[in-house]
Amino acid sequence: MSIQQDVLEQMRDLHLRMHRLFNDRMRAQGASLAQLKLLLLIERCGEMRSTDIADALGQAPRTVTEAVDGLERDGLVVRNPDPSDRRAKRIKLTEAGRGVIREVEPHRDVFASEFFACLSDPDLEKFLSILTTLNGRIVEMGAPSTLGGTCPEDR
């Protein structure tokens, strides 16, 4: 196996482990990573239609509808009629949804601090530079330049 393949495997393993651990920690605080991603997107973009959320997160509309249904059941979002299209609904954060974001934020910070504690500041700066270079390269190779979390008006 080549060094490039070893690096790709290590990156995959790191991504999966980090995602699982972070998701477990967020669930212990009352919100899954998927819920948090959706809440943060709506917080950043404001009221959104489900189709805009699906586009922003690169998910199937049905997946978004089911996620929004759960958030609405939990009182974290509400659906309001879209004034420009009466068939559509706009999803808006409730105060309880904002509260979940506020409650989780310190835990995200602790996770980042704990995770990166093994690297010095110069190592972190170098790592960030490498990640930026790799992200630029993957876009050059044809990957989308924006990923989950882009507001419709930012596209």
Protein backbone atom coordinates (compact mmCIF):
# COMPACT_ATOMS: atom_id res chain seq x y z
CA MET A 1 0.00 0.00 0.00
CA SER A 2 1.28 3.47 -0.84
CA ILE A 3 1.79 6.30 1.64
CA GLN A 4 -1.08 8.16 -0.06
CA GLN A 5 -3.41 5.22 0.62
CA ASP A 6 -2.22 5.07 4.23
CA VAL A 7 -2.97 8.78 4.63
CA LEU A 8 -6.45 8.37 3.08
CA GLU A 9 -7.23 5.49 5.44
CA GLN A 10 -6.03 7.47 8.47
CA MET A 11 -8.14 10.46 7.38
CA ARG A 12 -11.20 8.22 6.96
CA ASP A 13 -10.67 6.57 10.33
CA LEU A 14 -10.17 9.92 12.04
CA HIS A 15 -13.31 11.35 10.44
CA LEU A 16 -15.45 8.37 11.45
CA ARG A 17 -14.12 8.22 15.02
CA MET A 18 -14.40 11.98 15.52
CA HIS A 19 -17.93 12.02 14.10
CA ARG A 20 -19.06 9.15 16.33
CA LEU A 21 -17.47 10.50 19.50
CA PHE A 22 -18.75 14.03 18.91
CA ASN A 23 -22.22 12.71 18.10
CA ASP A 24 -22.24 10.62 21.30
CA ARG A 25 -21.21 13.65 23.36
CA MET A 26 -23.81 15.89 21.72
CA ARG A 27 -26.55 13.31 22.27
CA ALA A 28 -25.60 13.27 25.95
CA GLN A 29 -26.37 17.00 25.90
CA GLY A 30 -29.76 16.45 24.26
CA ALA A 31 -29.08 16.92 20.54
CA SER A 32 -27.62 14.63 17.92
CA LEU A 33 -25.01 15.94 15.52
CA ALA A 34 -27.58 15.76 12.69
CA GLN A 35 -30.07 17.83 14.71
CA LEU A 36 -27.38 20.31 15.68
CA LYS A 37 -26.26 20.74 12.06
CA LEU A 38 -29.83 21.51 11.05
CA LEU A 39 -30.43 23.91 13.95
CA LEU A 40 -27.16 25.75 13.26
CA LEU A 41 -28.02 26.09 9.57
CA ILE A 42 -31.43 27.60 10.35
CA GLU A 43 -29.87 29.87 12.96
CA ARG A 44 -27.31 31.15 10.45
CA CYS A 45 -29.66 31.47 7.46
CA GLY A 46 -32.93 32.38 9.13
CA GLU A 47 -36.25 30.90 8.05
CA MET A 48 -35.76 28.34 5.28
CA ARG A 49 -37.84 26.05 3.10
CA SER A 50 -37.17 22.31 3.36
CA THR A 51 -35.91 22.26 -0.23
CA ASP A 52 -33.32 24.92 0.62
CA ILE A 53 -32.22 22.91 3.65
CA ALA A 54 -31.91 19.74 1.53
CA ASP A 55 -29.79 21.62 -1.02
CA ALA A 56 -27.60 23.22 1.65
CA LEU A 57 -26.92 19.94 3.44
CA GLY A 58 -26.79 17.74 0.34
CA GLN A 59 -29.56 15.52 1.68
CA ALA A 60 -32.69 14.01 0.17
CA PRO A 61 -35.85 16.09 0.73
CA ARG A 62 -37.49 13.17 2.55
CA THR A 63 -34.57 12.98 5.00
CA VAL A 64 -34.92 16.69 5.75
CA THR A 65 -38.70 16.41 6.14
CA GLU A 66 -38.28 13.61 8.68
CA ALA A 67 -35.60 15.57 10.57
CA VAL A 68 -37.74 18.71 10.64
CA ASP A 69 -40.73 16.65 11.81
CA GLY A 70 -38.67 15.47 14.79
CA LEU A 71 -37.41 18.96 15.60
CA GLU A 72 -40.95 20.30 15.38
CA ARG A 73 -42.24 17.53 17.69
CA ASP A 74 -39.53 18.52 20.18
CA GLY A 75 -40.56 22.18 19.94
CA LEU A 76 -37.20 23.27 18.47
CA VAL A 77 -38.59 24.60 15.17
CA VAL A 78 -41.94 25.69 13.78
CA ARG A 79 -43.27 25.62 10.24
CA ASN A 80 -44.86 28.82 8.95
CA PRO A 81 -46.56 29.42 5.60
CA ASP A 82 -44.24 30.79 2.91
CA PRO A 83 -45.69 34.17 1.86
CA SER A 84 -44.42 33.73 -1.71
CA ASP A 85 -45.66 30.13 -2.18
CA ARG A 86 -48.64 28.98 -0.16
CA ARG A 87 -47.81 25.31 -0.88
CA ALA A 88 -44.46 25.67 0.89
CA LYS A 89 -43.58 26.10 4.54
CA ARG A 90 -40.67 28.00 6.04
CA ILE A 91 -38.89 26.45 8.99
CA LYS A 92 -37.95 28.75 11.84
CA LEU A 93 -36.08 28.20 15.11
CA THR A 94 -38.02 28.50 18.33
CA GLU A 95 -36.55 29.89 21.52
CA ALA A 96 -36.14 26.27 22.67
CA GLY A 97 -34.11 25.56 19.49
CA ARG A 98 -31.88 28.55 20.21
CA GLY A 99 -31.53 27.26 23.76
CA VAL A 100 -30.25 23.88 22.53
CA ILE A 101 -27.62 25.66 20.43
CA ARG A 102 -26.54 27.78 23.42
CA GLU A 103 -26.39 24.72 25.69
CA VAL A 104 -24.28 22.70 23.25
CA GLU A 105 -21.80 25.45 22.29
CA PRO A 106 -19.54 25.11 25.37
CA HIS A 107 -19.42 21.34 24.82
CA ARG A 108 -18.29 21.89 21.22
CA ASP A 109 -15.54 24.19 22.49
CA VAL A 110 -14.43 21.65 25.10
CA PHE A 111 -14.38 18.90 22.48
CA ALA A 112 -12.18 20.99 20.17
CA SER A 113 -9.82 21.94 23.00
CA GLU A 114 -9.57 18.37 24.24
CA PHE A 115 -9.10 16.97 20.72
CA PHE A 116 -6.38 19.40 19.66
CA ALA A 117 -4.56 19.44 23.03
CA CYS A 118 -1.98 16.99 21.66
CA LEU A 119 -0.80 19.56 19.07
CA SER A 120 1.24 22.69 19.67
CA ASP A 121 0.14 25.99 18.18
CA PRO A 122 2.76 25.75 15.38
CA ASP A 123 1.57 22.20 14.63
CA LEU A 124 -2.04 23.42 14.49
CA GLU A 125 -1.08 26.22 12.13
CA LYS A 126 0.75 23.77 9.87
CA PHE A 127 -2.16 21.32 10.02
CA LEU A 128 -4.60 24.08 9.09
CA SER A 129 -2.37 25.04 6.17
CA ILE A 130 -2.28 21.45 4.95
CA LEU A 131 -6.05 21.05 5.29
CA THR A 132 -6.60 24.31 3.40
CA THR A 133 -4.31 23.10 0.61
CA LEU A 134 -6.07 19.71 0.44
CA ASN A 135 -9.51 21.34 0.43
CA GLY A 136 -8.41 23.58 -2.44
CA ARG A 137 -7.08 20.57 -4.35
CA ILE A 138 -10.26 18.52 -3.93
CA VAL A 139 -12.29 21.44 -5.30
CA GLU A 140 -9.91 21.65 -8.27
CA MET A 141 -10.58 17.94 -8.85
CA GLY A 142 -14.33 18.57 -9.10
CA ALA A 143 -15.74 18.52 -5.58
CA PRO A 144 -18.29 21.20 -4.72
CA SER A 145 -16.74 24.41 -3.48
CA THR A 146 -19.41 24.80 -0.81
CA LEU A 147 -20.66 22.14 1.54
CA GLY A 148 -23.52 21.66 3.94
CA GLY A 149 -24.45 24.85 5.62
CA THR A 150 -24.49 27.31 2.74
CA CYS A 151 -27.46 29.67 2.91
CA PRO A 152 -29.52 29.95 -0.30
CA GLU A 153 -28.62 33.63 -0.75
CA ASP A 154 -24.89 32.78 -0.47
CA ARG A 155 -24.96 30.57 -3.54
